[in-house]
C-alpha atoms as a PDB file:
ATOM      1  CA  MET A   1     -99.058  67.501-155.842  1.00  0.00           C
ATOM      2  CA  ILE A   2    -100.393  70.369-153.730  1.00  0.00           C
ATOM      3  CA  SER A   3    -100.801  73.669-155.511  1.00  0.00           C
ATOM      4  CA  VAL A   4     -98.731  76.439-153.980  1.00  0.00           C
ATOM      5  CA  SER A   5    -101.278  79.127-154.875  1.00  0.00           C
ATOM      6  CA  GLN A   6    -104.160  77.103-153.459  1.00  0.00           C
ATOM      7  CA  ASN A   7    -102.285  76.525-150.218  1.00  0.00           C
ATOM      8  CA  ILE A   8    -101.375  80.142-149.601  1.00  0.00           C
ATOM      9  CA  PHE A   9    -103.969  82.256-151.440  1.00  0.00           C
ATOM     10  CA  THR A  10    -107.127  80.132-151.159  1.00  0.00           C
ATOM     11  CA  VAL A  11    -110.236  82.169-152.027  1.00  0.00           C
ATOM     12  CA  PRO A  12    -113.370  80.972-150.155  1.00  0.00           C
ATOM     13  CA  LYS A  13    -116.711  80.492-151.888  1.00  0.00           C
ATOM     14  CA  ASN A  14    -118.974  81.243-148.915  1.00  0.00           C
ATOM     15  CA  ARG A  15    -120.161  84.881-148.941  1.00  0.00           C
ATOM     16  CA  SER A  16    -119.258  85.671-145.330  1.00  0.00           C
ATOM     17  CA  ASP A  17    -115.917  83.912-145.705  1.00  0.00           C
ATOM     18  CA  HIS A  18    -115.368  85.814-148.933  1.00  0.00           C
ATOM     19  CA  PHE A  19    -115.894  89.096-147.064  1.00  0.00           C
ATOM     20  CA  ARG A  20    -113.352  88.016-144.451  1.00  0.00           C
ATOM     21  CA  PHE A  21    -110.923  87.089-147.209  1.00  0.00           C
ATOM     22  CA  VAL A  22    -111.269  90.507-148.844  1.00  0.00           C
ATOM     23  CA  ALA A  23    -110.947  92.304-145.493  1.00  0.00           C
ATOM     24  CA  ARG A  24    -107.824  90.476-144.392  1.00  0.00           C
ATOM     25  CA  SER A  25    -106.319  90.737-147.885  1.00  0.00           C
ATOM     26  CA  LEU A  26    -106.719  94.523-147.783  1.00  0.00           C
ATOM     27  CA  LEU A  27    -105.184  94.528-144.318  1.00  0.00           C
ATOM     28  CA  TYR A  28    -102.211  92.518-145.550  1.00  0.00           C
ATOM     29  CA  VAL A  29    -101.802  94.681-148.663  1.00  0.00           C
ATOM     30  CA  HIS A  30    -101.710  97.893-146.629  1.00  0.00           C
ATOM     31  CA  SER A  31     -99.360  96.392-144.051  1.00  0.00           C
ATOM     32  CA  ALA A  32     -97.037  95.021-146.746  1.00  0.00           C
ATOM     33  CA  ALA A  33     -97.004  98.391-148.528  1.00  0.00           C
ATOM     34  CA  LEU A  34     -96.144 100.220-145.305  1.00  0.00           C
ATOM     35  CA  VAL A  35     -93.351  97.804-144.409  1.00  0.00           C
ATOM     36  CA  THR A  36     -92.000  98.029-147.971  1.00  0.00           C
ATOM     37  CA  LEU A  37     -91.781 101.819-147.672  1.00  0.00           C
ATOM     38  CA  VAL A  38     -89.955 101.570-144.349  1.00  0.00           C
ATOM     39  CA  PHE A  39     -87.668  98.885-145.790  1.00  0.00           C
ATOM     40  CA  LEU A  40     -86.692 101.173-148.678  1.00  0.00           C
ATOM     41  CA  PHE A  41     -86.276 104.321-146.585  1.00  0.00           C
ATOM     42  CA  TYR A  42     -84.897 103.039-143.290  1.00  0.00           C
ATOM     43  CA  PRO A  43     -82.156 102.102-143.389  1.00  0.00           C
ATOM     44  CA  GLY A  44     -82.526 101.497-147.140  1.00  0.00           C
ATOM     45  CA  ILE A  45     -81.026  99.009-149.581  1.00  0.00           C
ATOM     46  CA  ASN A  46     -78.137 100.999-150.996  1.00  0.00           C
ATOM     47  CA  GLY A  47     -75.904 102.040-148.115  1.00  0.00           C
ATOM     48  CA  TYR A  48     -73.472  99.191-147.517  1.00  0.00           C
ATOM     49  CA  LYS A  49     -70.370  99.711-149.665  1.00  0.00           C
ATOM     50  CA  ARG A  50     -69.631  95.998-149.974  1.00  0.00           C
ATOM     51  CA  ALA A  51     -73.125  95.284-151.294  1.00  0.00           C
ATOM     52  CA  MET A  52     -74.302  98.357-153.170  1.00  0.00           C
ATOM     53  CA  PHE A  53     -77.450  97.951-155.235  1.00  0.00           C
ATOM     54  CA  GLY A  54     -75.821  98.363-158.636  1.00  0.00           C
ATOM     55  CA  ASP A  55     -72.946  96.053-157.709  1.00  0.00           C
ATOM     56  CA  MET A  56     -75.349  93.348-156.475  1.00  0.00           C
ATOM     57  CA  LEU A  57     -77.369  93.725-159.649  1.00  0.00           C
ATOM     58  CA  GLU A  58     -74.334  93.357-161.898  1.00  0.00           C
ATOM     59  CA  GLY A  59     -72.727  90.616-159.825  1.00  0.00           C
ATOM     60  CA  VAL A  60     -69.617  92.616-158.908  1.00  0.00           C
ATOM     61  CA  ALA A  61     -70.335  93.142-155.194  1.00  0.00           C
ATOM     62  CA  TYR A  62     -68.117  91.724-152.477  1.00  0.00           C
ATOM     63  CA  ARG A  63     -68.329  88.132-151.400  1.00  0.00           C
ATOM     64  CA  PRO A  64     -70.264  86.665-149.576  1.00  0.00           C
ATOM     65  CA  HIS A  65     -73.093  89.140-150.361  1.00  0.00           C
ATOM     66  CA  VAL A  66     -72.833  88.570-154.093  1.00  0.00           C
ATOM     67  CA  TYR A  67     -73.579  84.885-153.503  1.00  0.00           C
ATOM     68  CA  ARG A  68     -77.226  85.713-152.648  1.00  0.00           C
ATOM     69  CA  VAL A  69     -78.244  85.802-156.309  1.00  0.00           C
ATOM     70  CA  LEU A  70     -81.980  85.068-156.463  1.00  0.00           C
ATOM     71  CA  VAL A  71     -83.420  88.583-156.114  1.00  0.00           C
ATOM     72  CA  PRO A  72     -80.626  90.516-157.916  1.00  0.00           C
ATOM     73  CA  TYR A  73     -80.673  88.094-160.843  1.00  0.00           C
ATOM     74  CA  THR A  74     -84.478  88.142-161.039  1.00  0.00           C
ATOM     75  CA  ALA A  75     -84.509  91.949-160.926  1.00  0.00           C
ATOM     76  CA  ARG A  76     -81.846  92.151-163.636  1.00  0.00           C
ATOM     77  CA  ILE A  77     -83.792  89.810-165.933  1.00  0.00           C
ATOM     78  CA  LEU A  78     -87.157  91.524-165.388  1.00  0.00           C
ATOM     79  CA  SER A  79     -85.800  95.057-165.771  1.00  0.00           C
ATOM     80  CA  SER A  80     -83.938  94.071-168.930  1.00  0.00           C
ATOM     81  CA  GLN A  81     -87.236  92.923-170.454  1.00  0.00           C
ATOM     82  CA  MET A  82     -88.873  96.326-169.965  1.00  0.00           C
ATOM     83  CA  PRO A  83     -89.520  98.247-173.181  1.00  0.00           C
ATOM     84  CA  GLU A  84     -86.978 101.024-173.615  1.00  0.00           C
ATOM     85  CA  GLU A  85     -89.679 103.683-173.599  1.00  0.00           C
ATOM     86  CA  VAL A  86     -90.838 102.467-170.186  1.00  0.00           C
ATOM     87  CA  LYS A  87     -87.288 102.571-168.819  1.00  0.00           C
ATOM     88  CA  THR A  88     -86.786 106.080-170.206  1.00  0.00           C
ATOM     89  CA  SER A  89     -90.084 107.251-168.748  1.00  0.00           C
ATOM     90  CA  LEU A  90     -89.183 105.877-165.315  1.00  0.00           C
ATOM     91  CA  ARG A  91     -85.760 107.509-165.361  1.00  0.00           C
ATOM     92  CA  VAL A  92     -87.114 110.890-166.485  1.00  0.00           C
ATOM     93  CA  SER A  93     -89.953 110.942-163.959  1.00  0.00           C
ATOM     94  CA  ILE A  94     -87.956 109.746-160.956  1.00  0.00           C
ATOM     95  CA  LYS A  95     -84.250 110.577-161.303  1.00  0.00           C
ATOM     96  CA  ASP A  96     -84.332 114.264-160.276  1.00  0.00           C
ATOM     97  CA  THR A  97     -86.974 113.964-157.563  1.00  0.00           C
ATOM     98  CA  ARG A  98     -86.373 114.314-153.838  1.00  0.00           C
ATOM     99  CA  LEU A  99     -87.669 110.759-153.506  1.00  0.00           C
ATOM    100  CA  ALA A 100     -84.818 109.391-155.635  1.00  0.00           C
ATOM    101  CA  ALA A 101     -82.281 111.454-153.690  1.00  0.00           C
ATOM    102  CA  LYS A 102     -83.697 110.299-150.360  1.00  0.00           C
ATOM    103  CA  LEU A 103     -83.614 106.644-151.422  1.00  0.00           C
ATOM    104  CA  GLY A 104     -80.183 106.913-153.012  1.00  0.00           C
ATOM    105  CA  TRP A 105     -81.427 105.677-156.378  1.00  0.00           C
ATOM    106  CA  ASP A 106     -78.949 106.301-159.189  1.00  0.00           C
ATOM    107  CA  SER A 107     -80.637 107.086-162.502  1.00  0.00           C
ATOM    108  CA  ASP A 108     -79.141 104.194-164.500  1.00  0.00           C
ATOM    109  CA  ASN A 109     -80.670 101.583-162.190  1.00  0.00           C
ATOM    110  CA  ILE A 110     -84.069 103.200-161.595  1.00  0.00           C
ATOM    111  CA  PRO A 111     -85.971 100.513-163.609  1.00  0.00           C
ATOM    112  CA  ALA A 112     -84.291  97.810-161.525  1.00  0.00           C
ATOM    113  CA  TYR A 113     -85.118  99.695-158.310  1.00  0.00           C
ATOM    114  CA  VAL A 114     -88.783  99.738-159.342  1.00  0.00           C
ATOM    115  CA  VAL A 115     -88.686  96.000-160.016  1.00  0.00           C
ATOM    116  CA  VAL A 116     -87.018  95.308-156.663  1.00  0.00           C
ATOM    117  CA  THR A 117     -89.653  97.439-154.942  1.00  0.00           C
ATOM    118  CA  LEU A 118     -92.387  95.289-156.493  1.00  0.00           C
ATOM    119  CA  ILE A 119     -90.536  92.087-155.574  1.00  0.00           C
ATOM    120  CA  THR A 120     -90.124  93.323-152.002  1.00  0.00           C
ATOM    121  CA  PHE A 121     -93.816  94.164-151.712  1.00  0.00           C
ATOM    122  CA  CYS A 122     -94.840  90.778-153.150  1.00  0.00           C
ATOM    123  CA  CYS A 123     -92.519  88.977-150.729  1.00  0.00           C
ATOM    124  CA  PHE A 124     -93.958  90.787-147.714  1.00  0.00           C
ATOM    125  CA  LEU A 125     -97.521  90.216-148.930  1.00  0.00           C
ATOM    126  CA  GLY A 126     -96.909  86.535-149.598  1.00  0.00           C
ATOM    127  CA  PHE A 127     -95.222  86.277-146.212  1.00  0.00           C
ATOM    128  CA  ALA A 128     -98.398  87.529-144.511  1.00  0.00           C
ATOM    129  CA  PHE A 129    -100.573  84.948-146.280  1.00  0.00           C
ATOM    130  CA  ALA A 130     -98.053  82.209-145.446  1.00  0.00           C
ATOM    131  CA  LEU A 131     -98.089  83.231-141.772  1.00  0.00           C
ATOM    132  CA  ARG A 132    -101.870  82.932-141.716  1.00  0.00           C
ATOM    133  CA  LYS A 133    -101.738  79.447-143.220  1.00  0.00           C
ATOM    134  CA  LEU A 134     -99.058  78.465-140.729  1.00  0.00           C
ATOM    135  CA  SER A 135    -101.111  79.846-137.840  1.00  0.00           C
ATOM    136  CA  LEU A 136    -104.140  77.775-138.833  1.00  0.00           C
ATOM    137  CA  ARG A 137    -101.995  74.705-139.427  1.00  0.00           C
ATOM    138  CA  PHE A 138    -100.576  74.741-135.910  1.00  0.00           C
ATOM    139  CA  TYR A 139    -103.531  76.381-134.116  1.00  0.00           C
ATOM    140  CA  PRO A 140    -106.660  75.508-136.140  1.00  0.00           C
ATOM    141  CA  ASN A 141    -109.106  76.962-133.612  1.00  0.00           C
ATOM    142  CA  MET A 142    -107.511  80.400-133.591  1.00  0.00           C
ATOM    143  CA  ILE A 143    -109.270  81.559-136.767  1.00  0.00           C
ATOM    144  CA  SER A 144    -109.968  85.154-135.731  1.00  0.00           C
ATOM    145  CA  VAL A 145    -106.465  85.621-134.358  1.00  0.00           C
ATOM    146  CA  ALA A 146    -104.948  84.045-137.473  1.00  0.00           C
ATOM    147  CA  ASP A 147    -106.729  86.613-139.647  1.00  0.00           C
ATOM    148  CA  PHE A 148    -105.103  89.710-138.164  1.00  0.00           C
ATOM    149  CA  ALA A 149    -101.933  88.318-136.558  1.00  0.00           C
ATOM    150  CA  PRO A 150     -99.949  88.216-139.856  1.00  0.00           C
ATOM    151  CA  ALA A 151    -100.434  91.978-140.215  1.00  0.00           C
ATOM    152  CA  LEU A 152     -98.986  92.367-136.737  1.00  0.00           C
ATOM    153  CA  GLY A 153     -96.118  90.090-137.771  1.00  0.00           C
ATOM    154  CA  LEU A 154     -95.412  92.376-140.720  1.00  0.00           C
ATOM    155  CA  LEU A 155     -95.623  95.568-138.678  1.00  0.00           C
ATOM    156  CA  VAL A 156     -93.118  94.193-136.171  1.00  0.00           C
ATOM    157  CA  LEU A 157     -90.476  93.800-138.876  1.00  0.00           C
ATOM    158  CA  PRO A 158     -89.368  97.481-139.033  1.00  0.00           C
ATOM    159  CA  SER A 159     -88.255  97.204-135.407  1.00  0.00           C
ATOM    160  CA  LEU A 160     -85.726  94.657-136.692  1.00  0.00           C
ATOM    161  CA  PHE A 161     -84.349  96.901-139.453  1.00  0.00           C
ATOM    162  CA  ARG A 162     -80.919  97.980-138.240  1.00  0.00           C
ATOM    163  CA  TYR A 163     -77.761  99.187-140.000  1.00  0.00           C
ATOM    164  CA  TYR A 164     -78.619  97.900-143.504  1.00  0.00           C
ATOM    165  CA  ASN A 165     -81.387  96.096-145.359  1.00  0.00           C
ATOM    166  CA  GLN A 166     -80.364  93.687-148.086  1.00  0.00           C
ATOM    167  CA  LEU A 167     -82.158  92.839-151.328  1.00  0.00           C
ATOM    168  CA  TYR A 168     -82.564  89.217-150.322  1.00  0.00           C
ATOM    169  CA  ASP A 169     -84.094  89.804-146.857  1.00  0.00           C
ATOM    170  CA  PRO A 170     -87.812  89.819-147.830  1.00  0.00           C
ATOM    171  CA  ALA A 171     -87.278  86.719-149.979  1.00  0.00           C
ATOM    172  CA  THR A 172     -85.654  84.975-147.005  1.00  0.00           C
ATOM    173  CA  LEU A 173     -88.763  85.601-144.901  1.00  0.00           C
ATOM    174  CA  LEU A 174     -91.153  84.387-147.602  1.00  0.00           C
ATOM    175  CA  LEU A 175     -89.189  81.313-148.665  1.00  0.00           C
ATOM    176  CA  TRP A 176     -88.638  80.082-145.111  1.00  0.00           C
ATOM    177  CA  ALA A 177     -92.284  80.592-144.155  1.00  0.00           C
ATOM    178  CA  CYS A 178     -93.439  78.668-147.240  1.00  0.00           C
ATOM    179  CA  ALA A 179     -90.893  75.899-146.704  1.00  0.00           C
ATOM    180  CA  LEU A 180     -92.066  75.475-143.099  1.00  0.00           C
ATOM    181  CA  LEU A 181     -95.695  75.460-144.231  1.00  0.00           C
ATOM    182  CA  PHE A 182     -95.137  72.660-146.732  1.00  0.00           C
ATOM    183  CA  LEU A 183     -93.103  70.672-144.224  1.00  0.00           C
ATOM    184  CA  ALA A 184     -95.967  70.955-141.753  1.00  0.00           C
ATOM    185  CA  GLN A 185     -98.358  69.811-144.487  1.00  0.00           C
ATOM    186  CA  ARG A 186     -96.015  66.959-145.502  1.00  0.00           C
ATOM    187  CA  ALA A 187     -96.114  68.359-149.049  1.00  0.00           C
ATOM    188  CA  ILE A 188     -92.758  67.191-150.354  1.00  0.00           C
ATOM    189  CA  ILE A 189     -92.788  68.488-153.933  1.00  0.00           C
ATOM    190  CA  PRO A 190     -93.771  72.102-153.068  1.00  0.00           C
ATOM    191  CA  TYR A 191     -91.241  71.970-150.246  1.00  0.00           C
ATOM    192  CA  TYR A 192     -88.483  71.052-152.692  1.00  0.00           C
ATOM    193  CA  VAL A 193     -89.450  73.968-154.937  1.00  0.00           C
ATOM    194  CA  PHE A 194     -89.024  76.417-152.094  1.00  0.00           C
ATOM    195  CA  PHE A 195     -85.943  74.646-150.800  1.00  0.00           C
ATOM    196  CA  VAL A 196     -84.207  75.162-154.153  1.00  0.00           C
ATOM    197  CA  LEU A 197     -85.252  78.829-154.250  1.00  0.00           C
ATOM    198  CA  ALA A 198     -84.074  79.296-150.666  1.00  0.00           C
ATOM    199  CA  VAL A 199     -80.679  77.767-151.518  1.00  0.00           C
ATOM    200  CA  ILE A 200     -80.288  80.135-154.474  1.00  0.00           C
ATOM    201  CA  ASN A 201     -81.330  83.029-152.264  1.00  0.00           C
ATOM    202  CA  LYS A 202     -79.018  82.382-149.314  1.00  0.00           C
ATOM    203  CA  GLU A 203     -76.695  79.675-148.054  1.00  0.00           C
ATOM    204  CA  THR A 204     -78.506  79.438-144.695  1.00  0.00           C
ATOM    205  CA  ALA A 205     -81.042  77.228-146.481  1.00  0.00           C
ATOM    206  CA  ILE A 206     -78.844  74.328-145.374  1.00  0.00           C
ATOM    207  CA  LEU A 207     -80.666  74.612-142.031  1.00  0.00           C
ATOM    208  CA  LEU A 208     -83.847  73.416-143.739  1.00  0.00           C
ATOM    209  CA  VAL A 209     -82.327  69.950-144.108  1.00  0.00           C
ATOM    210  CA  PRO A 210     -82.457  68.972-140.406  1.00  0.00           C
ATOM    211  CA  LEU A 211     -85.847  70.664-140.230  1.00  0.00           C
ATOM    212  CA  PHE A 212     -87.071  68.265-142.930  1.00  0.00           C
ATOM    213  CA  ALA A 213     -85.894  65.305-140.866  1.00  0.00           C
ATOM    214  CA  LEU A 214     -87.693  66.684-137.805  1.00  0.00           C
ATOM    215  CA  ALA A 215     -90.937  67.191-139.690  1.00  0.00           C
ATOM    216  CA  PHE A 216     -91.030  63.628-141.062  1.00  0.00           C
ATOM    217  CA  ARG A 217     -89.446  61.792-138.136  1.00  0.00           C
ATOM    218  CA  GLU A 218     -92.714  60.273-136.855  1.00  0.00           C
ATOM    219  CA  THR A 219     -94.394  59.425-140.166  1.00  0.00           C
ATOM    220  CA  THR A 220     -91.587  58.248-142.450  1.00  0.00           C
ATOM    221  CA  ARG A 221     -89.015  55.483-142.252  1.00  0.00           C
ATOM    222  CA  ILE A 222     -85.507  56.526-141.334  1.00  0.00           C
ATOM    223  CA  ARG A 223     -84.113  55.142-144.597  1.00  0.00           C
ATOM    224  CA  LYS A 224     -86.457  57.291-146.680  1.00  0.00           C
ATOM    225  CA  ILE A 225     -85.674  60.358-144.589  1.00  0.00           C
ATOM    226  CA  ALA A 226     -81.958  59.679-145.085  1.00  0.00           C
ATOM    227  CA  LEU A 227     -82.464  59.517-148.862  1.00  0.00           C
ATOM    228  CA  HIS A 228     -84.244  62.877-148.856  1.00  0.00           C
ATOM    229  CA  VAL A 229     -81.590  64.405-146.626  1.00  0.00           C
ATOM    230  CA  GLY A 230     -78.886  63.123-148.976  1.00  0.00           C
ATOM    231  CA  LEU A 231     -80.731  64.501-152.003  1.00  0.00           C
ATOM    232  CA  GLN A 232     -81.103  67.921-150.385  1.00  0.00           C
ATOM    233  CA  LEU A 233     -77.431  68.002-149.473  1.00  0.00           C
ATOM    234  CA  ILE A 234     -76.543  67.202-153.090  1.00  0.00           C
ATOM    235  CA  VAL A 235     -78.877  69.905-154.397  1.00  0.00           C
ATOM    236  CA  PHE A 236     -77.438  72.395-151.923  1.00  0.00           C
ATOM    237  CA  GLY A 237     -73.870  71.445-152.823  1.00  0.00           C
ATOM    238  CA  VAL A 238     -74.394  71.682-156.582  1.00  0.00           C
ATOM    239  CA  ILE A 239     -76.084  75.080-156.398  1.00  0.00           C
ATOM    240  CA  ARG A 240     -73.679  76.617-153.936  1.00  0.00           C
ATOM    241  CA  ILE A 241     -70.581  75.285-155.732  1.00  0.00           C
ATOM    242  CA  ALA A 242     -71.883  76.770-158.977  1.00  0.00           C
ATOM    243  CA  VAL A 243     -72.439  80.132-157.289  1.00  0.00           C
ATOM    244  CA  LEU A 244     -69.035  80.063-155.602  1.00  0.00           C
ATOM    245  CA  HIS A 245     -67.376  79.284-158.924  1.00  0.00           C
ATOM    246  CA  ALA A 246     -69.275  82.030-160.752  1.00  0.00           C
ATOM    247  CA  TYR A 247     -68.077  84.734-158.344  1.00  0.00           C
ATOM    248  CA  ALA A 248     -64.678  83.342-157.362  1.00  0.00           C
ATOM    249  CA  ALA A 249     -62.898  86.426-158.751  1.00  0.00           C
ATOM    250  CA  ASN A 250     -64.956  88.940-156.764  1.00  0.00           C
ATOM    251  CA  PRO A 251     -63.318  90.820-153.899  1.00  0.00           C
ATOM    252  CA  GLY A 252     -63.923  89.673-150.354  1.00  0.00           C
ATOM    253  CA  GLY A 253     -63.932  86.209-148.859  1.00  0.00           C
ATOM    254  CA  LEU A 254     -66.179  83.240-148.316  1.00  0.00           C
ATOM    255  CA  LEU A 255     -67.311  84.849-145.055  1.00  0.00           C
ATOM    256  CA  GLU A 256     -66.856  88.187-143.308  1.00  0.00           C
ATOM    257  CA  PHE A 257     -65.185  87.894-139.914  1.00  0.00           C
ATOM    258  CA  HIS A 258     -66.849  90.111-137.276  1.00  0.00           C
ATOM    259  CA  LEU A 259     -65.846  88.529-133.971  1.00  0.00           C
ATOM    260  CA  ASN A 260     -63.647  91.467-132.965  1.00  0.00           C
ATOM    261  CA  GLY A 261     -66.471  93.922-133.509  1.00  0.00           C
ATOM    262  CA  ASN A 262     -68.920  91.752-131.594  1.00  0.00           C
ATOM    263  CA  LEU A 263     -66.547  91.586-128.630  1.00  0.00           C
ATOM    264  CA  LEU A 264     -66.666  95.386-128.485  1.00  0.00           C
ATOM    265  CA  ILE A 265     -70.457  95.426-128.318  1.00  0.00           C
ATOM    266  CA  PHE A 266     -70.306  95.968-124.559  1.00  0.00           C
ATOM    267  CA  GLU A 267     -68.942  99.426-125.317  1.00  0.00           C
ATOM    268  CA  LYS A 268     -72.249 100.294-127.019  1.00  0.00           C
ATOM    269  CA  PRO A 269     -74.953 100.876-124.379  1.00  0.00           C
ATOM    270  CA  GLY A 270     -77.609 101.367-127.046  1.00  0.00           C
ATOM    271  CA  ALA A 271     -76.834  98.017-128.623  1.00  0.00           C
ATOM    272  CA  ILE A 272     -76.923  96.294-125.244  1.00  0.00           C
ATOM    273  CA  VAL A 273     -80.342  97.777-124.402  1.00  0.00           C
ATOM    274  CA  TYR A 274     -81.621  96.792-127.854  1.00  0.00           C
ATOM    275  CA  LEU A 275     -80.388  93.205-127.462  1.00  0.00           C
ATOM    276  CA  LEU A 276     -81.808  92.868-123.962  1.00  0.00           C
ATOM    277  CA  ALA A 277     -85.190  94.169-125.092  1.00  0.00           C
ATOM    278  CA  MET A 278     -85.275  91.963-128.181  1.00  0.00           C
ATOM    279  CA  TYR A 279     -84.115  88.769-126.491  1.00  0.00           C
ATOM    280  CA  GLY A 280     -86.051  89.473-123.300  1.00  0.00           C
ATOM    281  CA  LEU A 281     -89.416  90.041-124.934  1.00  0.00           C
ATOM    282  CA  GLY A 282     -88.878  87.449-127.642  1.00  0.00           C
ATOM    283  CA  GLY A 283     -87.596  84.877-125.173  1.00  0.00           C
ATOM    284  CA  TYR A 284     -90.599  85.348-122.900  1.00  0.00           C
ATOM    285  CA  LEU A 285     -93.160  85.092-125.714  1.00  0.00           C
ATOM    286  CA  VAL A 286     -91.471  82.026-127.185  1.00  0.00           C
ATOM    287  CA  SER A 287     -90.790  80.110-123.963  1.00  0.00           C
ATOM    288  CA  LYS A 288     -94.032  80.784-122.054  1.00  0.00           C
ATOM    289  CA  ASN A 289     -95.932  77.470-121.696  1.00  0.00           C
ATOM    290  CA  TRP A 290     -93.187  75.904-123.798  1.00  0.00           C
ATOM    291  CA  HIS A 291     -94.362  72.295-123.552  1.00  0.00           C
ATOM    292  CA  SER A 292     -97.909  73.136-124.678  1.00  0.00           C
ATOM    293  CA  LYS A 293     -96.664  74.290-128.076  1.00  0.00           C
ATOM    294  CA  PRO A 294     -96.207  72.133-131.214  1.00  0.00           C
ATOM    295  CA  SER A 295     -93.047  70.067-131.145  1.00  0.00           C
ATOM    296  CA  LEU A 296     -92.002  70.949-134.698  1.00  0.00           C
ATOM    297  CA  LEU A 297     -91.905  74.623-133.721  1.00  0.00           C
ATOM    298  CA  ARG A 298     -90.091  73.956-130.440  1.00  0.00           C
ATOM    299  CA  LEU A 299     -87.454  71.750-132.003  1.00  0.00           C
ATOM    300  CA  GLY A 300     -87.309  73.805-135.175  1.00  0.00           C
ATOM    301  CA  ILE A 301     -86.405  77.066-133.472  1.00  0.00           C
ATOM    302  CA  LEU A 302     -83.607  75.303-131.594  1.00  0.00           C
ATOM    303  CA  PHE A 303     -82.211  73.794-134.789  1.00  0.00           C
ATOM    304  CA  VAL A 304     -82.470  77.090-136.695  1.00  0.00           C
ATOM    305  CA  PHE A 305     -81.959  79.940-134.235  1.00  0.00           C
ATOM    306  CA  ALA A 306     -79.018  78.506-132.273  1.00  0.00           C
ATOM    307  CA  PRO A 307     -76.773  78.022-135.356  1.00  0.00           C
ATOM    308  CA  LEU A 308     -77.699  81.496-136.620  1.00  0.00           C
ATOM    309  CA  VAL A 309     -76.626  83.114-133.342  1.00  0.00           C
ATOM    310  CA  LEU A 310     -73.372  81.169-133.346  1.00  0.00           C
ATOM    311  CA  LEU A 311     -72.666  82.145-136.950  1.00  0.00           C
ATOM    312  CA  SER A 312     -73.490  85.799-136.286  1.00  0.00           C
ATOM    313  CA  LEU A 313     -71.037  85.841-133.372  1.00  0.00           C
ATOM    314  CA  PHE A 314     -68.166  85.151-135.761  1.00  0.00           C
ATOM    315  CA  PHE A 315     -69.456  86.272-139.167  1.00  0.00           C
ATOM    316  CA  GLY A 316     -72.147  88.878-138.527  1.00  0.00           C
ATOM    317  CA  ASN A 317     -73.315  91.544-136.100  1.00  0.00           C
ATOM    318  CA  LEU A 318     -74.999  90.204-132.976  1.00  0.00           C
ATOM    319  CA  ASP A 319     -77.272  93.232-132.743  1.00  0.00           C
ATOM    320  CA  GLU A 320     -78.490  92.991-136.349  1.00  0.00           C
ATOM    321  CA  PRO A 321     -81.743  90.967-136.255  1.00  0.00           C
ATOM    322  CA  ARG A 322     -81.988  90.628-140.026  1.00  0.00           C
ATOM    323  CA  GLN A 323     -79.486  87.796-139.659  1.00  0.00           C
ATOM    324  CA  TYR A 324     -82.150  85.761-137.860  1.00  0.00           C
ATOM    325  CA  TYR A 325     -84.988  86.135-140.380  1.00  0.00           C
ATOM    326  CA  GLU A 326     -84.897  82.384-141.025  1.00  0.00           C
ATOM    327  CA  ALA A 327     -86.100  81.892-137.441  1.00  0.00           C
ATOM    328  CA  PHE A 328     -88.799  84.583-137.589  1.00  0.00           C
ATOM    329  CA  PRO A 329     -91.685  82.235-138.572  1.00  0.00           C
ATOM    330  CA  PHE A 330     -90.871  80.066-135.534  1.00  0.00           C
ATOM    331  CA  VAL A 331     -90.705  83.076-133.210  1.00  0.00           C
ATOM    332  CA  PHE A 332     -93.992  84.392-134.607  1.00  0.00           C
ATOM    333  CA  LEU A 333     -95.860  81.099-134.234  1.00  0.00           C
ATOM    334  CA  LEU A 334     -94.540  80.294-130.772  1.00  0.00           C
ATOM    335  CA  SER A 335     -95.294  83.839-129.615  1.00  0.00           C
ATOM    336  CA  LEU A 336     -98.773  83.730-131.120  1.00  0.00           C
ATOM    337  CA  LYS A 337     -99.879  81.031-128.694  1.00  0.00           C
ATOM    338  CA  THR A 338     -98.560  83.034-125.740  1.00  0.00           C
ATOM    339  CA  ILE A 339    -100.314  86.222-126.868  1.00  0.00           C
ATOM    340  CA  ASN A 340    -103.552  84.376-127.570  1.00  0.00           C
ATOM    341  CA  ASP A 341    -103.537  82.744-124.137  1.00  0.00           C
ATOM    342  CA  ALA A 342    -102.779  86.072-122.457  1.00  0.00           C
ATOM    343  CA  TRP A 343    -105.769  87.651-124.160  1.00  0.00           C
ATOM    344  CA  ASN A 344    -107.810  84.593-123.216  1.00  0.00           C
ATOM    345  CA  VAL A 345    -109.790  84.764-126.442  1.00  0.00           C
ATOM    346  CA  SER A 346    -112.886  82.602-125.985  1.00  0.00           C
ATOM    347  CA  GLY A 347    -112.693  79.378-127.949  1.00  0.00           C
ATOM    348  CA  ASN A 348    -109.276  80.133-129.367  1.00  0.00           C
ATOM    349  CA  SER A 349    -106.979  78.589-126.793  1.00  0.00           C
ATOM    350  CA  SER A 350    -106.534  75.058-128.088  1.00  0.00           C
ATOM    351  CA  THR A 351    -103.734  73.976-130.350  1.00  0.00           C
ATOM    352  CA  ALA A 352    -103.329  71.478-133.106  1.00  0.00           C
ATOM    353  CA  GLU A 353    -101.622  68.184-132.572  1.00  0.00           C
ATOM    354  CA  PRO A 354     -97.937  68.896-133.100  1.00  0.00           C
ATOM    355  CA  PRO A 355     -97.181  68.025-136.732  1.00  0.00           C
END
């Protein structure tokens, strides 16, 4: 079994490598802290009436948002374990400040807000380390680029914050990046750990199942792949049925229907410009020298991004990029090769054999 911590947070023993580790870690910490602040302030995590923070925490929010239980449940458990004097101190020191008013933090849930802030920061920080590992896995000669590129990946995220942020968004980024990393490493047991967490976090984890088949298609017999696919479908079904049953009495439906609103998007010039800029730049960076990029990334983004766009057409907002966070690691890695080649960094242009 491959250790998750060793795979993502490996500390080198060589002195010069140790210095690089410290330097990039500080870079990631500062970047993650900055993105966490933006995530909390703009547009915030407590503005959507169907998924208010307190309602998500208590499990009384509207469906389908209440189904994304991993972060709210974790925050509820951790905040409930705080000593009462700590909770009181947090409420007294924060509740009447301009910061609390700006963030929309109600006094009763301040301890949980603090916990969610820490979870959010840890997710963004872990996401940066996972992106570096992924970069070196697919492009092993791009060491210098792989050191600073994850910070750039983090700092790009605020440009995708639009309308509302949700509690489970940072976890989605981290869990999908780690799942992809372990698939690329053919590390089945760690992959299953993150697959289960991803399923608990959000139902889009079902898209990891075909990704698993893609990752193992050239090294594993079809029968064995089919057994794993069947097992993952069972795990997904059991978890999601349990969640659906637990919140069957909540208001709302299995999905929110947004097709009518999306058809009116052409009446919003700002949204059109935003979509053209996002898809134009992203499409260019991803597709440039397409056939020179690892096949798992090329096939993976097709199997992940296309269903997400189709789902968002009917059940989301087309101009809300947070709905495509599952595809972000693929976009980042495919774009990284394009950016590296454009800069023509000496000795950093080769790629790994497609895993």
